[in-house]
Amino acid sequence: MQPTSKDSGIRAHITPDPDLPQPEQDPPAQPPAPEVPPTEVPPVKEPTAPPPPMKM
């Protein structure tokens, strides 16, 4: 029963952690999305494809 109480405290700390990084990444992704037209979206994914294969 005691270990369950400790787990509850750790869970509460993990909840606010992921909440902070989520809102921070939202604002930076919103401004660039509207500023960049739908035509620049495909070219931006092209440069991101080469990095993944290099890691393999």
PDB file of N, CA and C in Angstrom:
ATOM      1  N   MET A   1       0.857  -1.211   0.000  1.00  0.00           N
ATOM      2  CA  MET A   1       0.000   0.000   0.000  1.00  0.00           C
ATOM      3  C   MET A   1       0.891   1.259   0.000  1.00  0.00           C
ATOM      4  N   GLN A   2       2.011   1.170   0.682  1.00  0.00           N
ATOM      5  CA  GLN A   2       2.894   2.360   0.757  1.00  0.00           C
ATOM      6  C   GLN A   2       3.487   2.696  -0.623  1.00  0.00           C
ATOM      7  N   PRO A   3       3.907   1.683  -1.357  1.00  0.00           N
ATOM      8  CA  PRO A   3       4.530   1.936  -2.677  1.00  0.00           C
ATOM      9  C   PRO A   3       3.531   2.585  -3.636  1.00  0.00           C
ATOM     10  N   THR A   4       2.266   2.285  -3.456  1.00  0.00           N
ATOM     11  CA  THR A   4       1.247   2.874  -4.352  1.00  0.00           C
ATOM     12  C   THR A   4       1.173   4.392  -4.140  1.00  0.00           C
ATOM     13  N   SER A   5       1.325   4.793  -2.893  1.00  0.00           N
ATOM     14  CA  SER A   5       1.249   6.238  -2.576  1.00  0.00           C
ATOM     15  C   SER A   5       2.414   6.965  -3.252  1.00  0.00           C
ATOM     16  N   LYS A   6       3.573   6.345  -3.238  1.00  0.00           N
ATOM     17  CA  LYS A   6       4.763   6.984  -3.855  1.00  0.00           C
ATOM     18  C   LYS A   6       4.567   7.062  -5.376  1.00  0.00           C
ATOM     19  N   ASP A   7       3.970   6.032  -5.925  1.00  0.00           N
ATOM     20  CA  ASP A   7       3.751   6.010  -7.388  1.00  0.00           C
ATOM     21  C   ASP A   7       2.826   7.163  -7.793  1.00  0.00           C
ATOM     22  N   SER A   8       1.825   7.406  -6.967  1.00  0.00           N
ATOM     23  CA  SER A   8       0.852   8.480  -7.269  1.00  0.00           C
ATOM     24  C   SER A   8       1.583   9.827  -7.347  1.00  0.00           C
ATOM     25  N   GLY A   9       2.527  10.030  -6.456  1.00  0.00           N
ATOM     26  CA  GLY A   9       3.267  11.311  -6.417  1.00  0.00           C
ATOM     27  C   GLY A   9       4.131  11.445  -7.663  1.00  0.00           C
ATOM     28  N   ILE A  10       4.723  10.367  -8.076  1.00  0.00           N
ATOM     29  CA  ILE A  10       5.598  10.424  -9.280  1.00  0.00           C
ATOM     30  C   ILE A  10       4.734  10.657 -10.528  1.00  0.00           C
ATOM     31  N   ARG A  11       3.560  10.107 -10.521  1.00  0.00           N
ATOM     32  CA  ARG A  11       2.680  10.229 -11.699  1.00  0.00           C
ATOM     33  C   ARG A  11       2.271  11.711 -11.857  1.00  0.00           C
ATOM     34  N   ALA A  12       2.002  12.347 -10.746  1.00  0.00           N
ATOM     35  CA  ALA A  12       1.565  13.761 -10.793  1.00  0.00           C
ATOM     36  C   ALA A  12       2.707  14.610 -11.359  1.00  0.00           C
ATOM     37  N   HIS A  13       3.934  14.225 -11.075  1.00  0.00           N
ATOM     38  CA  HIS A  13       5.085  15.015 -11.568  1.00  0.00           C
ATOM     39  C   HIS A  13       5.282  14.787 -13.066  1.00  0.00           C
ATOM     40  N   ILE A  14       4.941  13.593 -13.507  1.00  0.00           N
ATOM     41  CA  ILE A  14       5.135  13.280 -14.945  1.00  0.00           C
ATOM     42  C   ILE A  14       4.039  13.963 -15.782  1.00  0.00           C
ATOM     43  N   THR A  15       2.888  14.177 -15.186  1.00  0.00           N
ATOM     44  CA  THR A  15       1.780  14.788 -15.954  1.00  0.00           C
ATOM     45  C   THR A  15       2.127  16.228 -16.373  1.00  0.00           C
ATOM     46  N   PRO A  16       2.638  17.038 -15.465  1.00  0.00           N
ATOM     47  CA  PRO A  16       2.968  18.438 -15.786  1.00  0.00           C
ATOM     48  C   PRO A  16       4.181  18.505 -16.713  1.00  0.00           C
ATOM     49  N   ASP A  17       5.033  17.511 -16.660  1.00  0.00           N
ATOM     50  CA  ASP A  17       6.246  17.503 -17.507  1.00  0.00           C
ATOM     51  C   ASP A  17       5.879  17.497 -18.999  1.00  0.00           C
ATOM     52  N   PRO A  18       5.114  16.510 -19.426  1.00  0.00           N
ATOM     53  CA  PRO A  18       4.729  16.416 -20.852  1.00  0.00           C
ATOM     54  C   PRO A  18       3.831  17.576 -21.263  1.00  0.00           C
ATOM     55  N   ASP A  19       3.131  18.134 -20.302  1.00  0.00           N
ATOM     56  CA  ASP A  19       2.219  19.256 -20.627  1.00  0.00           C
ATOM     57  C   ASP A  19       3.035  20.500 -21.009  1.00  0.00           C
ATOM     58  N   LEU A  20       4.177  20.667 -20.392  1.00  0.00           N
ATOM     59  CA  LEU A  20       5.004  21.869 -20.658  1.00  0.00           C
ATOM     60  C   LEU A  20       5.598  21.822 -22.063  1.00  0.00           C
ATOM     61  N   PRO A  21       6.202  20.708 -22.442  1.00  0.00           N
ATOM     62  CA  PRO A  21       6.838  20.602 -23.769  1.00  0.00           C
ATOM     63  C   PRO A  21       5.799  20.641 -24.886  1.00  0.00           C
ATOM     64  N   GLN A  22       4.606  20.172 -24.606  1.00  0.00           N
ATOM     65  CA  GLN A  22       3.565  20.148 -25.664  1.00  0.00           C
ATOM     66  C   GLN A  22       3.170  21.568 -26.090  1.00  0.00           C
ATOM     67  N   PRO A  23       2.831  22.441 -25.143  1.00  0.00           N
ATOM     68  CA  PRO A  23       2.409  23.815 -25.468  1.00  0.00           C
ATOM     69  C   PRO A  23       3.570  24.612 -26.057  1.00  0.00           C
ATOM     70  N   GLU A  24       4.771  24.278 -25.664  1.00  0.00           N
ATOM     71  CA  GLU A  24       5.935  25.044 -26.177  1.00  0.00           C
ATOM     72  C   GLU A  24       6.151  24.739 -27.662  1.00  0.00           C
ATOM     73  N   GLN A  25       5.914  23.499 -28.051  1.00  0.00           N
ATOM     74  CA  GLN A  25       6.135  23.123 -29.466  1.00  0.00           C
ATOM     75  C   GLN A  25       4.949  23.579 -30.331  1.00  0.00           C
ATOM     76  N   ASP A  26       3.815  23.830 -29.699  1.00  0.00           N
ATOM     77  CA  ASP A  26       2.612  24.226 -30.463  1.00  0.00           C
ATOM     78  C   ASP A  26       2.780  25.627 -31.067  1.00  0.00           C
ATOM     79  N   PRO A  27       3.177  26.611 -30.284  1.00  0.00           N
ATOM     80  CA  PRO A  27       3.313  27.997 -30.765  1.00  0.00           C
ATOM     81  C   PRO A  27       4.321  28.108 -31.908  1.00  0.00           C
ATOM     82  N   PRO A  28       5.478  27.491 -31.812  1.00  0.00           N
ATOM     83  CA  PRO A  28       6.503  27.604 -32.863  1.00  0.00           C
ATOM     84  C   PRO A  28       6.053  26.902 -34.142  1.00  0.00           C
ATOM     85  N   ALA A  29       5.221  25.896 -34.028  1.00  0.00           N
ATOM     86  CA  ALA A  29       4.785  25.151 -35.232  1.00  0.00           C
ATOM     87  C   ALA A  29       3.619  25.893 -35.900  1.00  0.00           C
ATOM     88  N   GLN A  30       2.900  26.688 -35.150  1.00  0.00           N
ATOM     89  CA  GLN A  30       1.740  27.406 -35.737  1.00  0.00           C
ATOM     90  C   GLN A  30       2.185  28.575 -36.629  1.00  0.00           C
ATOM     91  N   PRO A  31       3.093  29.412 -36.186  1.00  0.00           N
ATOM     92  CA  PRO A  31       3.517  30.586 -36.963  1.00  0.00           C
ATOM     93  C   PRO A  31       4.144  30.190 -38.297  1.00  0.00           C
ATOM     94  N   PRO A  32       5.023  29.209 -38.327  1.00  0.00           N
ATOM     95  CA  PRO A  32       5.688  28.801 -39.577  1.00  0.00           C
ATOM     96  C   PRO A  32       4.703  28.130 -40.533  1.00  0.00           C
ATOM     97  N   ALA A  33       3.698  27.466 -40.015  1.00  0.00           N
ATOM     98  CA  ALA A  33       2.734  26.759 -40.881  1.00  0.00           C
ATOM     99  C   ALA A  33       1.961  27.760 -41.754  1.00  0.00           C
ATOM    100  N   PRO A  34       1.352  28.797 -41.179  1.00  0.00           N
ATOM    101  CA  PRO A  34       0.574  29.779 -41.948  1.00  0.00           C
ATOM    102  C   PRO A  34       1.490  30.617 -42.841  1.00  0.00           C
ATOM    103  N   GLU A  35       2.684  30.898 -42.376  1.00  0.00           N
ATOM    104  CA  GLU A  35       3.609  31.732 -43.184  1.00  0.00           C
ATOM    105  C   GLU A  35       4.093  30.950 -44.408  1.00  0.00           C
ATOM    106  N   VAL A  36       4.295  29.652 -44.234  1.00  0.00           N
ATOM    107  CA  VAL A  36       4.784  28.820 -45.360  1.00  0.00           C
ATOM    108  C   VAL A  36       3.592  28.280 -46.157  1.00  0.00           C
ATOM    109  N   PRO A  37       3.569  28.526 -47.445  1.00  0.00           N
ATOM    110  CA  PRO A  37       2.447  28.058 -48.300  1.00  0.00           C
ATOM    111  C   PRO A  37       2.453  26.527 -48.395  1.00  0.00           C
ATOM    112  N   PRO A  38       1.391  25.960 -48.962  1.00  0.00           N
ATOM    113  CA  PRO A  38       1.290  24.493 -49.081  1.00  0.00           C
ATOM    114  C   PRO A  38       2.301  23.955 -50.084  1.00  0.00           C
ATOM    115  N   THR A  39       2.867  24.838 -50.901  1.00  0.00           N
ATOM    116  CA  THR A  39       3.851  24.370 -51.907  1.00  0.00           C
ATOM    117  C   THR A  39       5.207  24.153 -51.238  1.00  0.00           C
ATOM    118  N   GLU A  40       5.467  24.906 -50.174  1.00  0.00           N
ATOM    119  CA  GLU A  40       6.784  24.753 -49.502  1.00  0.00           C
ATOM    120  C   GLU A  40       6.749  23.568 -48.528  1.00  0.00           C
ATOM    121  N   VAL A  41       5.586  23.059 -48.256  1.00  0.00           N
ATOM    122  CA  VAL A  41       5.482  21.949 -47.285  1.00  0.00           C
ATOM    123  C   VAL A  41       6.149  20.683 -47.843  1.00  0.00           C
ATOM    124  N   PRO A  42       5.915  20.350 -49.113  1.00  0.00           N
ATOM    125  CA  PRO A  42       6.518  19.132 -49.705  1.00  0.00           C
ATOM    126  C   PRO A  42       8.050  19.234 -49.767  1.00  0.00           C
ATOM    127  N   PRO A  43       8.590  20.361 -50.196  1.00  0.00           N
ATOM    128  CA  PRO A  43      10.059  20.522 -50.289  1.00  0.00           C
ATOM    129  C   PRO A  43      10.706  20.431 -48.909  1.00  0.00           C
ATOM    130  N   VAL A  44       9.998  20.858 -47.907  1.00  0.00           N
ATOM    131  CA  VAL A  44      10.574  20.837 -46.538  1.00  0.00           C
ATOM    132  C   VAL A  44      10.695  19.392 -46.061  1.00  0.00           C
ATOM    133  N   LYS A  45       9.814  18.527 -46.542  1.00  0.00           N
ATOM    134  CA  LYS A  45       9.853  17.109 -46.118  1.00  0.00           C
ATOM    135  C   LYS A  45      10.985  16.389 -46.867  1.00  0.00           C
ATOM    136  N   GLU A  46      11.340  16.869 -48.024  1.00  0.00           N
ATOM    137  CA  GLU A  46      12.395  16.198 -48.829  1.00  0.00           C
ATOM    138  C   GLU A  46      13.741  16.182 -48.078  1.00  0.00           C
ATOM    139  N   PRO A  47      14.160  17.333 -47.546  1.00  0.00           N
ATOM    140  CA  PRO A  47      15.442  17.418 -46.817  1.00  0.00           C
ATOM    141  C   PRO A  47      15.401  16.608 -45.520  1.00  0.00           C
ATOM    142  N   THR A  48      14.219  16.373 -45.031  1.00  0.00           N
ATOM    143  CA  THR A  48      14.103  15.618 -43.767  1.00  0.00           C
ATOM    144  C   THR A  48      14.200  14.110 -44.049  1.00  0.00           C
ATOM    145  N   ALA A  49      13.972  13.715 -45.284  1.00  0.00           N
ATOM    146  CA  ALA A  49      14.008  12.278 -45.620  1.00  0.00           C
ATOM    147  C   ALA A  49      15.464  11.775 -45.665  1.00  0.00           C
ATOM    148  N   PRO A  50      16.381  12.538 -46.197  1.00  0.00           N
ATOM    149  CA  PRO A  50      17.797  12.102 -46.290  1.00  0.00           C
ATOM    150  C   PRO A  50      18.420  11.817 -44.921  1.00  0.00           C
ATOM    151  N   PRO A  51      18.110  12.603 -43.897  1.00  0.00           N
ATOM    152  CA  PRO A  51      18.706  12.392 -42.562  1.00  0.00           C
ATOM    153  C   PRO A  51      18.353  11.017 -41.976  1.00  0.00           C
ATOM    154  N   PRO A  52      17.109  10.559 -42.107  1.00  0.00           N
ATOM    155  CA  PRO A  52      16.710   9.262 -41.523  1.00  0.00           C
ATOM    156  C   PRO A  52      17.524   8.100 -42.107  1.00  0.00           C
ATOM    157  N   PRO A  53      17.678   8.036 -43.427  1.00  0.00           N
ATOM    158  CA  PRO A  53      18.437   6.920 -44.049  1.00  0.00           C
ATOM    159  C   PRO A  53      19.903   6.965 -43.616  1.00  0.00           C
ATOM    160  N   MET A  54      20.449   8.153 -43.425  1.00  0.00           N
ATOM    161  CA  MET A  54      21.872   8.288 -43.024  1.00  0.00           C
ATOM    162  C   MET A  54      22.073   7.671 -41.629  1.00  0.00           C
ATOM    163  N   LYS A  55      21.072   7.817 -40.772  1.00  0.00           N
ATOM    164  CA  LYS A  55      21.185   7.286 -39.395  1.00  0.00           C
ATOM    165  C   LYS A  55      21.208   5.754 -39.445  1.00  0.00           C
ATOM    166  N   MET A  56      20.460   5.192 -40.359  1.00  0.00           N
ATOM    167  CA  MET A  56      20.379   3.724 -40.479  1.00  0.00           C
ATOM    168  C   MET A  56      21.773   3.192 -40.793  1.00  0.00           C
TER     169      MET A  56
END
